[in-house]
């Protein structure tokens, strides 16, 4: 299993864990899920951000991305009453007729995320001097970047202590000529770009 496949399968399995929440939470948020081979589709009907309704992890086994598969997933979302869902598909699993498939089901191009990975090289110990206090508006961006850098380092340290050999994460890809400070912070922490993954938006 290569790193792209590993990152996709782990993320899909992690996402599917939300279907095991308390029944009251599942009912309140309208959470349902279904597996399609090693891929998963999650519907969170009452999520106002429309972030958590995702379909991902496809094309990694004997269930390739096809018109039939996308149709089955779309039908799952229709039955769940999902107002919108995002198909997260890395470029290497898209078939040659993908443009026709997405047009058939009305999938619109969304944003692009950058998937990054880091090996188990040790992190420099993080000493936090966080305190509660007023922040001058002119310093807000630098303070935010510093806090995020510390949090990234702490999470990596936790993963290494747990015995992980790889750490994966993702963040939005900035538009041409723009910058994403979170992407810069991750790269400084030793993360390397693994692949870009555009997502595709379905609406009924």
N, C-alpha and C. Protein backbone atom coordinates (compact mmCIF):
# COMPACT_ATOMS: atom_id res chain seq x y z
N UNK A 1 0.85 -1.19 0.00
CA UNK A 1 0.00 0.00 0.00
C UNK A 1 0.89 1.24 0.00
N UNK A 2 0.73 2.09 -1.03
CA UNK A 2 1.55 3.30 -1.09
C UNK A 2 0.97 4.36 -0.16
N UNK A 3 1.69 5.47 -0.03
CA UNK A 3 1.28 6.50 0.92
C UNK A 3 -0.04 7.16 0.55
N UNK A 4 -0.30 7.33 -0.74
CA UNK A 4 -1.57 7.95 -1.16
C UNK A 4 -2.72 7.04 -0.75
N UNK A 5 -2.59 5.75 -1.05
CA UNK A 5 -3.65 4.81 -0.67
C UNK A 5 -3.80 4.74 0.84
N UNK A 6 -2.69 4.71 1.56
CA UNK A 6 -2.75 4.66 3.02
C UNK A 6 -3.47 5.88 3.58
N UNK A 7 -3.12 7.06 3.09
CA UNK A 7 -3.76 8.28 3.58
C UNK A 7 -5.25 8.28 3.29
N UNK A 8 -5.66 7.82 2.11
CA UNK A 8 -7.07 7.79 1.74
C UNK A 8 -7.86 6.80 2.59
N UNK A 9 -7.32 5.60 2.76
CA UNK A 9 -8.02 4.56 3.51
C UNK A 9 -8.16 4.94 4.98
N UNK A 10 -7.08 5.47 5.56
CA UNK A 10 -7.12 5.87 6.97
C UNK A 10 -8.14 6.98 7.18
N UNK A 11 -8.14 7.97 6.29
CA UNK A 11 -9.09 9.08 6.44
C UNK A 11 -10.52 8.60 6.31
N UNK A 12 -10.78 7.71 5.34
CA UNK A 12 -12.13 7.20 5.15
C UNK A 12 -12.61 6.45 6.39
N UNK A 13 -11.75 5.61 6.94
CA UNK A 13 -12.13 4.85 8.14
C UNK A 13 -12.35 5.77 9.34
N UNK A 14 -11.53 6.81 9.44
CA UNK A 14 -11.70 7.77 10.52
C UNK A 14 -13.03 8.50 10.40
N UNK A 15 -13.37 8.91 9.19
CA UNK A 15 -14.64 9.59 8.97
C UNK A 15 -15.82 8.69 9.34
N UNK A 16 -15.71 7.42 9.00
CA UNK A 16 -16.84 6.52 9.23
C UNK A 16 -17.10 6.30 10.72
N UNK A 17 -16.14 6.61 11.56
CA UNK A 17 -16.32 6.41 13.00
C UNK A 17 -17.43 7.29 13.57
N UNK A 18 -17.77 8.38 12.89
CA UNK A 18 -18.83 9.24 13.44
C UNK A 18 -20.19 8.54 13.40
N UNK A 19 -20.31 7.48 12.61
CA UNK A 19 -21.57 6.74 12.59
C UNK A 19 -21.74 5.91 13.86
N UNK A 20 -20.71 5.86 14.69
CA UNK A 20 -20.80 5.12 15.94
C UNK A 20 -21.04 6.00 17.15
N UNK A 21 -21.43 7.25 16.93
CA UNK A 21 -21.73 8.16 18.04
C UNK A 21 -23.02 7.74 18.73
N UNK A 22 -23.30 8.39 19.85
CA UNK A 22 -24.51 8.08 20.60
C UNK A 22 -25.75 8.25 19.72
N UNK A 23 -26.74 7.35 19.87
CA UNK A 23 -27.95 7.43 19.03
C UNK A 23 -28.62 8.80 19.03
N UNK A 24 -28.61 9.48 20.19
CA UNK A 24 -29.25 10.80 20.26
C UNK A 24 -28.52 11.81 19.37
N UNK A 25 -27.19 11.67 19.28
CA UNK A 25 -26.40 12.56 18.43
C UNK A 25 -26.66 12.23 16.95
N UNK A 26 -26.67 10.95 16.64
CA UNK A 26 -26.93 10.53 15.26
C UNK A 26 -28.29 11.05 14.78
N UNK A 27 -29.29 10.92 15.65
CA UNK A 27 -30.63 11.36 15.28
C UNK A 27 -30.70 12.88 15.17
N UNK A 28 -30.09 13.58 16.12
CA UNK A 28 -30.15 15.04 16.13
C UNK A 28 -29.48 15.67 14.93
N UNK A 29 -28.37 15.10 14.49
CA UNK A 29 -27.63 15.65 13.36
C UNK A 29 -27.96 14.96 12.05
N UNK A 30 -28.78 13.93 12.12
CA UNK A 30 -29.14 13.21 10.89
C UNK A 30 -27.96 12.50 10.28
N UNK A 31 -27.16 11.83 11.10
CA UNK A 31 -25.94 11.16 10.63
C UNK A 31 -26.25 9.74 10.17
N UNK A 32 -25.88 9.45 8.96
CA UNK A 32 -25.94 8.09 8.44
C UNK A 32 -24.70 7.84 7.59
N UNK A 33 -24.38 6.59 7.39
CA UNK A 33 -23.21 6.26 6.60
C UNK A 33 -23.36 4.93 5.90
N UNK A 34 -22.60 4.76 4.85
CA UNK A 34 -22.61 3.49 4.12
C UNK A 34 -21.23 3.26 3.53
N UNK A 35 -20.81 2.01 3.56
CA UNK A 35 -19.55 1.63 2.95
C UNK A 35 -19.79 1.12 1.53
N UNK A 36 -18.87 1.50 0.66
CA UNK A 36 -18.85 1.03 -0.72
C UNK A 36 -17.47 0.44 -0.96
N UNK A 37 -17.33 -0.85 -0.70
CA UNK A 37 -15.99 -1.42 -0.72
C UNK A 37 -15.20 -0.81 0.42
N UNK A 38 -14.03 -0.28 0.12
CA UNK A 38 -13.23 0.39 1.14
C UNK A 38 -13.54 1.88 1.21
N UNK A 39 -14.38 2.35 0.31
CA UNK A 39 -14.80 3.75 0.35
C UNK A 39 -15.99 3.92 1.27
N UNK A 40 -16.25 5.17 1.65
CA UNK A 40 -17.37 5.47 2.55
C UNK A 40 -18.12 6.69 2.06
N UNK A 41 -19.39 6.74 2.43
CA UNK A 41 -20.20 7.93 2.22
C UNK A 41 -20.83 8.28 3.56
N UNK A 42 -20.65 9.49 4.00
CA UNK A 42 -21.20 9.98 5.26
C UNK A 42 -22.17 11.11 4.97
N UNK A 43 -23.34 11.04 5.57
CA UNK A 43 -24.31 12.12 5.46
C UNK A 43 -24.56 12.70 6.84
N UNK A 44 -24.38 14.01 6.97
CA UNK A 44 -24.73 14.73 8.20
C UNK A 44 -25.76 15.77 7.78
N UNK A 45 -27.00 15.35 7.74
CA UNK A 45 -28.08 16.13 7.14
C UNK A 45 -28.25 17.51 7.77
N UNK A 46 -28.07 17.60 9.09
CA UNK A 46 -28.33 18.86 9.79
C UNK A 46 -27.07 19.70 10.01
N UNK A 47 -26.02 19.42 9.29
CA UNK A 47 -24.79 20.20 9.41
C UNK A 47 -24.92 21.48 8.58
N UNK A 48 -25.02 22.65 9.21
CA UNK A 48 -25.21 23.88 8.44
C UNK A 48 -24.00 24.24 7.58
N UNK A 49 -22.83 23.76 7.95
CA UNK A 49 -21.64 24.08 7.17
C UNK A 49 -21.53 23.21 5.92
N UNK A 50 -22.27 22.10 5.89
CA UNK A 50 -22.22 21.14 4.78
C UNK A 50 -20.80 20.62 4.56
N UNK A 51 -20.04 20.57 5.64
CA UNK A 51 -18.65 20.11 5.57
C UNK A 51 -18.52 18.61 5.74
N UNK A 52 -19.36 18.05 6.63
CA UNK A 52 -19.15 16.66 7.07
C UNK A 52 -19.79 15.62 6.18
N UNK A 53 -20.62 16.01 5.24
CA UNK A 53 -21.19 15.04 4.31
C UNK A 53 -20.17 14.80 3.20
N UNK A 54 -19.46 13.69 3.32
CA UNK A 54 -18.34 13.41 2.42
C UNK A 54 -18.41 11.99 1.88
N UNK A 55 -17.93 11.84 0.66
CA UNK A 55 -17.74 10.53 0.06
C UNK A 55 -16.26 10.43 -0.33
N UNK A 56 -15.59 9.41 0.14
CA UNK A 56 -14.16 9.31 -0.12
C UNK A 56 -13.65 7.89 0.08
N UNK A 57 -12.39 7.68 -0.32
CA UNK A 57 -11.77 6.37 -0.18
C UNK A 57 -12.08 5.42 -1.32
N UNK A 58 -12.62 5.93 -2.43
CA UNK A 58 -13.01 5.07 -3.54
C UNK A 58 -11.83 4.79 -4.48
N UNK A 59 -12.00 3.71 -5.26
CA UNK A 59 -11.02 3.39 -6.30
C UNK A 59 -9.80 2.67 -5.79
N UNK A 60 -9.84 2.18 -4.52
CA UNK A 60 -8.67 1.56 -3.94
C UNK A 60 -8.79 0.04 -3.83
N UNK A 61 -9.81 -0.53 -4.44
CA UNK A 61 -9.98 -1.98 -4.37
C UNK A 61 -10.67 -2.44 -5.65
N UNK A 62 -11.56 -3.41 -5.54
CA UNK A 62 -12.23 -3.91 -6.73
C UNK A 62 -13.49 -3.11 -7.07
N UNK A 63 -13.63 -1.92 -6.46
CA UNK A 63 -14.77 -1.04 -6.77
C UNK A 63 -14.21 0.26 -7.35
N UNK A 64 -13.91 0.27 -8.65
CA UNK A 64 -13.34 1.48 -9.25
C UNK A 64 -14.36 2.59 -9.34
N UNK A 65 -13.88 3.81 -9.48
CA UNK A 65 -14.77 4.95 -9.68
C UNK A 65 -15.41 4.81 -11.06
N UNK A 66 -16.72 4.80 -11.09
CA UNK A 66 -17.46 4.60 -12.33
C UNK A 66 -18.79 5.32 -12.23
N UNK A 67 -19.50 5.40 -13.34
CA UNK A 67 -20.83 6.01 -13.33
C UNK A 67 -21.75 5.24 -12.39
N UNK A 68 -21.65 3.92 -12.40
CA UNK A 68 -22.50 3.11 -11.53
C UNK A 68 -22.25 3.41 -10.06
N UNK A 69 -20.97 3.50 -9.67
CA UNK A 69 -20.62 3.78 -8.27
C UNK A 69 -21.12 5.15 -7.85
N UNK A 70 -20.83 6.16 -8.65
CA UNK A 70 -21.25 7.52 -8.31
C UNK A 70 -22.78 7.58 -8.21
N UNK A 71 -23.47 6.86 -9.08
CA UNK A 71 -24.92 6.83 -9.02
C UNK A 71 -25.43 6.22 -7.73
N UNK A 72 -24.78 5.16 -7.25
CA UNK A 72 -25.18 4.52 -5.99
C UNK A 72 -24.96 5.46 -4.81
N UNK A 73 -23.85 6.18 -4.84
CA UNK A 73 -23.56 7.11 -3.75
C UNK A 73 -24.56 8.28 -3.77
N UNK A 74 -24.84 8.80 -4.95
CA UNK A 74 -25.81 9.89 -5.08
C UNK A 74 -27.18 9.43 -4.56
N UNK A 75 -27.57 8.21 -4.87
CA UNK A 75 -28.85 7.69 -4.40
C UNK A 75 -28.87 7.58 -2.88
N UNK A 76 -27.73 7.19 -2.29
CA UNK A 76 -27.63 7.17 -0.83
C UNK A 76 -27.90 8.55 -0.26
N UNK A 77 -27.31 9.59 -0.87
CA UNK A 77 -27.50 10.95 -0.37
C UNK A 77 -28.94 11.43 -0.58
N UNK A 78 -29.55 11.05 -1.68
CA UNK A 78 -30.95 11.42 -1.91
C UNK A 78 -31.84 10.81 -0.83
N UNK A 79 -31.64 9.54 -0.56
CA UNK A 79 -32.46 8.85 0.43
C UNK A 79 -32.24 9.42 1.84
N UNK A 80 -31.03 9.91 2.10
CA UNK A 80 -30.72 10.47 3.41
C UNK A 80 -31.22 11.91 3.55
N UNK A 81 -31.68 12.51 2.46
CA UNK A 81 -32.14 13.90 2.53
C UNK A 81 -31.00 14.89 2.68
N UNK A 82 -29.84 14.54 2.17
CA UNK A 82 -28.65 15.38 2.31
C UNK A 82 -28.76 16.62 1.42
N UNK A 83 -28.59 17.83 1.98
CA UNK A 83 -28.71 19.04 1.16
C UNK A 83 -27.53 19.26 0.22
N UNK A 84 -26.37 18.72 0.57
CA UNK A 84 -25.18 18.83 -0.29
C UNK A 84 -24.14 17.85 0.23
N UNK A 85 -23.33 17.33 -0.67
CA UNK A 85 -22.28 16.40 -0.28
C UNK A 85 -21.05 16.64 -1.15
N UNK A 86 -19.89 16.32 -0.60
CA UNK A 86 -18.63 16.52 -1.30
C UNK A 86 -17.97 15.18 -1.61
N UNK A 87 -17.62 14.98 -2.86
CA UNK A 87 -16.88 13.80 -3.29
C UNK A 87 -15.38 14.15 -3.28
N UNK A 88 -14.63 13.50 -2.42
CA UNK A 88 -13.18 13.74 -2.33
C UNK A 88 -12.47 12.60 -3.04
N UNK A 89 -11.93 12.89 -4.22
CA UNK A 89 -11.33 11.87 -5.06
C UNK A 89 -9.95 12.31 -5.52
N UNK A 90 -8.89 11.61 -5.10
CA UNK A 90 -7.56 11.97 -5.58
C UNK A 90 -7.46 11.74 -7.09
N UNK A 91 -6.60 12.49 -7.75
CA UNK A 91 -6.57 12.43 -9.22
C UNK A 91 -6.26 11.06 -9.80
N UNK A 92 -5.53 10.22 -9.08
CA UNK A 92 -5.12 8.94 -9.66
C UNK A 92 -6.25 7.92 -9.71
N UNK A 93 -7.41 8.19 -9.08
CA UNK A 93 -8.52 7.24 -9.16
C UNK A 93 -9.60 7.70 -10.15
N UNK A 94 -9.44 8.87 -10.72
CA UNK A 94 -10.45 9.37 -11.66
C UNK A 94 -10.32 8.65 -13.00
N UNK A 95 -11.41 8.10 -13.52
CA UNK A 95 -11.35 7.40 -14.81
C UNK A 95 -11.25 8.39 -15.97
N UNK A 96 -10.95 7.87 -17.13
CA UNK A 96 -10.80 8.72 -18.30
C UNK A 96 -12.07 9.44 -18.69
N UNK A 97 -13.23 8.87 -18.35
CA UNK A 97 -14.50 9.50 -18.69
C UNK A 97 -15.10 10.28 -17.52
N UNK A 98 -14.25 10.75 -16.61
CA UNK A 98 -14.73 11.44 -15.42
C UNK A 98 -15.56 12.68 -15.75
N UNK A 99 -15.15 13.44 -16.75
CA UNK A 99 -15.90 14.65 -17.09
C UNK A 99 -17.34 14.31 -17.45
N UNK A 100 -17.53 13.21 -18.16
CA UNK A 100 -18.88 12.78 -18.50
C UNK A 100 -19.66 12.30 -17.29
N UNK A 101 -18.99 11.60 -16.39
CA UNK A 101 -19.65 11.09 -15.18
C UNK A 101 -20.12 12.24 -14.29
N UNK A 102 -19.23 13.19 -14.05
CA UNK A 102 -19.61 14.29 -13.16
C UNK A 102 -20.71 15.15 -13.77
N UNK A 103 -20.71 15.26 -15.09
CA UNK A 103 -21.78 16.00 -15.75
C UNK A 103 -23.10 15.24 -15.63
N UNK A 104 -23.03 13.93 -15.70
CA UNK A 104 -24.24 13.10 -15.60
C UNK A 104 -24.95 13.30 -14.27
N UNK A 105 -24.17 13.47 -13.21
CA UNK A 105 -24.76 13.59 -11.87
C UNK A 105 -24.71 15.01 -11.32
N UNK A 106 -24.33 15.96 -12.15
CA UNK A 106 -24.36 17.36 -11.74
C UNK A 106 -23.33 17.72 -10.69
N UNK A 107 -22.19 17.04 -10.69
CA UNK A 107 -21.13 17.36 -9.72
C UNK A 107 -20.38 18.61 -10.17
N UNK A 108 -20.31 19.58 -9.29
CA UNK A 108 -19.63 20.83 -9.59
C UNK A 108 -18.25 20.87 -8.93
N UNK A 109 -17.29 21.44 -9.61
CA UNK A 109 -15.94 21.54 -9.06
C UNK A 109 -15.94 22.43 -7.82
N UNK A 110 -15.35 21.92 -6.74
CA UNK A 110 -15.20 22.70 -5.52
C UNK A 110 -13.76 23.12 -5.35
N UNK A 111 -13.36 23.32 -4.12
CA UNK A 111 -11.99 23.73 -3.85
C UNK A 111 -11.02 22.57 -3.95
N UNK A 112 -9.78 22.85 -3.64
CA UNK A 112 -8.72 21.85 -3.67
C UNK A 112 -8.01 21.83 -2.33
N UNK A 113 -7.79 20.66 -1.81
CA UNK A 113 -7.02 20.54 -0.58
C UNK A 113 -5.64 19.95 -0.91
N UNK A 114 -4.69 20.24 -0.05
CA UNK A 114 -3.36 19.65 -0.16
C UNK A 114 -3.22 18.61 0.94
N UNK A 115 -2.99 17.38 0.56
CA UNK A 115 -2.74 16.33 1.55
C UNK A 115 -1.23 16.28 1.79
N UNK A 116 -0.86 16.29 3.08
CA UNK A 116 0.55 16.30 3.45
C UNK A 116 0.84 15.15 4.39
N UNK A 117 2.07 14.66 4.36
CA UNK A 117 2.49 13.61 5.28
C UNK A 117 3.86 13.97 5.88
N UNK A 118 4.10 13.37 7.02
CA UNK A 118 5.37 13.58 7.72
C UNK A 118 5.80 12.24 8.28
N UNK A 119 7.11 11.96 8.21
CA UNK A 119 7.60 10.70 8.77
C UNK A 119 7.80 10.84 10.27
N UNK A 120 8.45 9.85 10.88
CA UNK A 120 8.58 9.84 12.34
C UNK A 120 9.85 10.51 12.84
N UNK A 121 10.41 11.41 12.05
CA UNK A 121 11.55 12.19 12.54
C UNK A 121 11.12 12.98 13.76
N UNK A 122 11.96 13.05 14.79
CA UNK A 122 11.55 13.73 16.03
C UNK A 122 11.33 15.22 15.83
N UNK A 123 10.43 15.75 16.62
CA UNK A 123 10.18 17.18 16.64
C UNK A 123 11.01 17.81 17.74
N UNK A 124 11.32 19.07 17.55
CA UNK A 124 11.97 19.82 18.61
C UNK A 124 10.96 20.02 19.73
N UNK A 125 11.36 19.82 20.98
CA UNK A 125 10.45 20.00 22.11
C UNK A 125 9.80 21.37 22.07
N UNK A 126 8.53 21.39 22.36
CA UNK A 126 7.77 22.64 22.34
C UNK A 126 7.60 23.14 23.76
N UNK A 127 8.04 24.35 24.00
CA UNK A 127 7.83 25.00 25.29
C UNK A 127 6.82 26.12 25.08
N UNK A 128 5.69 25.97 25.69
CA UNK A 128 4.63 26.95 25.50
C UNK A 128 4.71 28.06 26.54
N UNK A 129 4.55 29.28 26.05
CA UNK A 129 4.46 30.43 26.95
C UNK A 129 3.10 31.11 26.75
N UNK A 130 2.10 30.31 26.39
CA UNK A 130 0.77 30.87 26.19
C UNK A 130 0.26 31.52 27.47
N UNK A 131 -0.41 32.63 27.32
CA UNK A 131 -0.99 33.31 28.46
C UNK A 131 -2.25 34.02 27.99
N UNK A 132 -3.07 34.39 28.90
CA UNK A 132 -4.28 35.12 28.59
C UNK A 132 -3.97 36.61 28.66
N UNK A 133 -4.29 37.32 27.60
CA UNK A 133 -4.01 38.74 27.60
C UNK A 133 -4.48 39.38 26.31
N UNK A 134 -4.44 40.68 26.29
CA UNK A 134 -4.87 41.42 25.10
C UNK A 134 -3.84 41.29 23.99
N UNK A 135 -4.32 41.20 22.77
CA UNK A 135 -3.45 41.13 21.60
C UNK A 135 -3.68 42.38 20.76
N UNK A 136 -2.62 43.05 20.46
CA UNK A 136 -2.73 44.22 19.59
C UNK A 136 -3.18 43.75 18.21
N UNK A 137 -4.16 44.41 17.61
CA UNK A 137 -4.64 43.98 16.29
C UNK A 137 -3.53 43.83 15.26
N UNK A 138 -2.50 44.62 15.38
CA UNK A 138 -1.40 44.53 14.41
C UNK A 138 -0.60 43.25 14.57
N UNK A 139 -0.73 42.59 15.73
CA UNK A 139 0.03 41.36 15.98
C UNK A 139 -0.82 40.10 15.84
N UNK A 140 -2.09 40.25 15.51
CA UNK A 140 -2.99 39.09 15.55
C UNK A 140 -2.58 37.97 14.61
N UNK A 141 -2.13 38.31 13.42
CA UNK A 141 -1.76 37.28 12.45
C UNK A 141 -0.52 36.52 12.90
N UNK A 142 0.47 37.22 13.42
CA UNK A 142 1.69 36.55 13.86
C UNK A 142 1.44 35.69 15.09
N UNK A 143 0.55 36.16 15.98
CA UNK A 143 0.21 35.36 17.16
C UNK A 143 -0.54 34.10 16.75
N UNK A 144 -1.48 34.23 15.82
CA UNK A 144 -2.22 33.07 15.34
C UNK A 144 -1.31 32.03 14.72
N UNK A 145 -0.35 32.51 13.91
CA UNK A 145 0.59 31.60 13.26
C UNK A 145 1.46 30.89 14.30
N UNK A 146 1.88 31.63 15.33
CA UNK A 146 2.72 31.02 16.37
C UNK A 146 1.94 29.95 17.14
N UNK A 147 0.70 30.26 17.49
CA UNK A 147 -0.12 29.29 18.23
C UNK A 147 -0.35 28.05 17.38
N UNK A 148 -0.65 28.24 16.11
CA UNK A 148 -0.88 27.08 15.24
C UNK A 148 0.37 26.22 15.12
N UNK A 149 1.53 26.86 15.01
CA UNK A 149 2.78 26.11 14.93
C UNK A 149 3.00 25.26 16.17
N UNK A 150 2.70 25.82 17.34
CA UNK A 150 2.85 25.06 18.58
C UNK A 150 1.88 23.88 18.63
N UNK A 151 0.66 24.10 18.19
CA UNK A 151 -0.34 23.03 18.20
C UNK A 151 0.04 21.91 17.24
N UNK A 152 0.55 22.26 16.07
CA UNK A 152 1.00 21.24 15.12
C UNK A 152 2.11 20.39 15.75
N UNK A 153 3.07 21.07 16.37
CA UNK A 153 4.19 20.35 16.98
C UNK A 153 3.71 19.40 18.08
N UNK A 154 2.79 19.86 18.89
CA UNK A 154 2.26 19.02 19.97
C UNK A 154 1.53 17.81 19.44
N UNK A 155 0.74 18.00 18.38
CA UNK A 155 0.00 16.87 17.81
C UNK A 155 0.96 15.84 17.20
N UNK A 156 2.01 16.32 16.55
CA UNK A 156 3.00 15.40 15.98
C UNK A 156 3.70 14.63 17.09
N UNK A 157 4.06 15.33 18.16
CA UNK A 157 4.70 14.66 19.29
C UNK A 157 3.79 13.59 19.88
N UNK A 158 2.51 13.88 20.00
CA UNK A 158 1.56 12.90 20.52
C UNK A 158 1.50 11.67 19.62
N UNK A 159 1.51 11.90 18.30
CA UNK A 159 1.46 10.78 17.35
C UNK A 159 2.72 9.92 17.45
N UNK A 160 3.85 10.55 17.59
CA UNK A 160 5.10 9.79 17.69
C UNK A 160 5.15 8.99 18.98
N UNK A 161 4.66 9.58 20.06
CA UNK A 161 4.63 8.86 21.33
C UNK A 161 3.70 7.64 21.26
N UNK A 162 2.67 7.74 20.43
CA UNK A 162 1.72 6.63 20.27
C UNK A 162 2.26 5.55 19.34
N UNK A 163 3.44 5.78 18.76
CA UNK A 163 4.05 4.77 17.90
C UNK A 163 3.77 4.93 16.43
N UNK A 164 3.20 6.05 16.02
CA UNK A 164 2.92 6.26 14.60
C UNK A 164 4.22 6.46 13.81
N UNK A 165 4.26 5.90 12.63
CA UNK A 165 5.42 6.09 11.76
C UNK A 165 5.16 7.14 10.68
N UNK A 166 3.88 7.46 10.45
CA UNK A 166 3.50 8.50 9.51
C UNK A 166 2.39 9.35 10.13
N UNK A 167 2.43 10.63 9.85
CA UNK A 167 1.39 11.55 10.28
C UNK A 167 0.87 12.26 9.03
N UNK A 168 -0.44 12.25 8.85
CA UNK A 168 -1.04 12.88 7.68
C UNK A 168 -1.99 13.98 8.09
N UNK A 169 -2.10 14.98 7.26
CA UNK A 169 -3.03 16.07 7.51
C UNK A 169 -3.37 16.72 6.18
N UNK A 170 -4.21 17.74 6.21
CA UNK A 170 -4.57 18.43 4.98
C UNK A 170 -4.98 19.85 5.29
N UNK A 171 -4.92 20.68 4.28
CA UNK A 171 -5.37 22.06 4.40
C UNK A 171 -5.69 22.58 3.02
N UNK A 172 -6.34 23.72 2.95
CA UNK A 172 -6.75 24.25 1.66
C UNK A 172 -5.59 24.72 0.81
N UNK A 173 -5.70 24.48 -0.49
CA UNK A 173 -4.68 24.98 -1.42
C UNK A 173 -5.01 26.43 -1.78
N UNK A 174 -4.07 27.34 -1.59
CA UNK A 174 -4.37 28.74 -1.90
C UNK A 174 -4.49 28.97 -3.40
N UNK A 175 -5.23 29.99 -3.75
CA UNK A 175 -5.36 30.36 -5.16
C UNK A 175 -4.03 30.90 -5.67
N UNK A 176 -3.89 30.92 -6.96
CA UNK A 176 -2.67 31.41 -7.58
C UNK A 176 -2.36 32.82 -7.09
N UNK A 177 -1.14 33.03 -6.60
CA UNK A 177 -0.72 34.33 -6.12
C UNK A 177 -1.10 34.61 -4.69
N UNK A 178 -1.84 33.69 -4.04
CA UNK A 178 -2.22 33.87 -2.65
C UNK A 178 -1.45 32.91 -1.75
N UNK A 179 -1.68 33.03 -0.45
CA UNK A 179 -0.92 32.25 0.51
C UNK A 179 -1.85 31.69 1.57
N UNK A 180 -1.57 30.47 2.01
CA UNK A 180 -2.29 29.87 3.13
C UNK A 180 -1.30 29.68 4.26
N UNK A 181 -1.38 30.50 5.32
CA UNK A 181 -0.42 30.39 6.42
C UNK A 181 -0.38 29.00 7.05
N UNK A 182 -1.53 28.31 7.09
CA UNK A 182 -1.55 26.97 7.67
C UNK A 182 -0.68 26.02 6.87
N UNK A 183 -0.72 26.14 5.54
CA UNK A 183 0.13 25.30 4.69
C UNK A 183 1.60 25.59 4.95
N UNK A 184 1.93 26.85 5.10
CA UNK A 184 3.32 27.22 5.40
C UNK A 184 3.76 26.64 6.74
N UNK A 185 2.89 26.71 7.75
CA UNK A 185 3.23 26.19 9.07
C UNK A 185 3.45 24.68 9.04
N UNK A 186 2.63 23.97 8.29
CA UNK A 186 2.77 22.52 8.19
C UNK A 186 4.08 22.15 7.51
N UNK A 187 4.42 22.85 6.47
CA UNK A 187 5.67 22.56 5.77
C UNK A 187 6.86 22.83 6.67
N UNK A 188 6.79 23.88 7.47
CA UNK A 188 7.89 24.18 8.40
C UNK A 188 8.02 23.10 9.46
N UNK A 189 6.92 22.41 9.76
CA UNK A 189 6.95 21.35 10.77
C UNK A 189 7.40 20.02 10.19
N UNK A 190 7.83 20.01 8.94
CA UNK A 190 8.37 18.80 8.34
C UNK A 190 7.40 18.04 7.46
N UNK A 191 6.19 18.56 7.27
CA UNK A 191 5.24 17.88 6.39
C UNK A 191 5.60 18.15 4.94
N UNK A 192 5.41 17.12 4.11
CA UNK A 192 5.68 17.23 2.68
C UNK A 192 4.38 17.05 1.90
N UNK A 193 4.24 17.81 0.83
CA UNK A 193 3.06 17.67 -0.02
C UNK A 193 3.02 16.26 -0.61
N UNK A 194 1.87 15.60 -0.49
CA UNK A 194 1.72 14.26 -1.06
C UNK A 194 0.92 14.33 -2.36
N UNK A 195 -0.20 15.04 -2.35
CA UNK A 195 -0.97 15.23 -3.57
C UNK A 195 -2.02 16.30 -3.33
N UNK A 196 -2.52 16.86 -4.41
CA UNK A 196 -3.64 17.79 -4.36
C UNK A 196 -4.91 16.99 -4.65
N UNK A 197 -5.98 17.30 -3.94
CA UNK A 197 -7.24 16.59 -4.14
C UNK A 197 -8.38 17.59 -4.26
N UNK A 198 -8.88 17.73 -5.46
CA UNK A 198 -10.05 18.58 -5.66
C UNK A 198 -11.29 17.85 -5.18
N UNK A 199 -12.25 18.57 -4.62
CA UNK A 199 -13.49 17.92 -4.27
C UNK A 199 -14.61 18.40 -5.18
N UNK A 200 -15.63 17.54 -5.31
CA UNK A 200 -16.73 17.76 -6.24
C UNK A 200 -18.03 17.81 -5.47
N UNK A 201 -18.81 18.84 -5.69
CA UNK A 201 -20.00 19.11 -4.89
C UNK A 201 -21.26 18.59 -5.59
N UNK A 202 -22.03 17.79 -4.85
CA UNK A 202 -23.32 17.33 -5.34
C UNK A 202 -24.44 18.01 -4.56
N UNK A 203 -25.46 18.45 -5.28
CA UNK A 203 -26.67 18.99 -4.66
C UNK A 203 -27.87 18.39 -5.36
N UNK A 204 -28.93 18.09 -4.61
CA UNK A 204 -30.12 17.49 -5.23
C UNK A 204 -30.84 18.47 -6.18
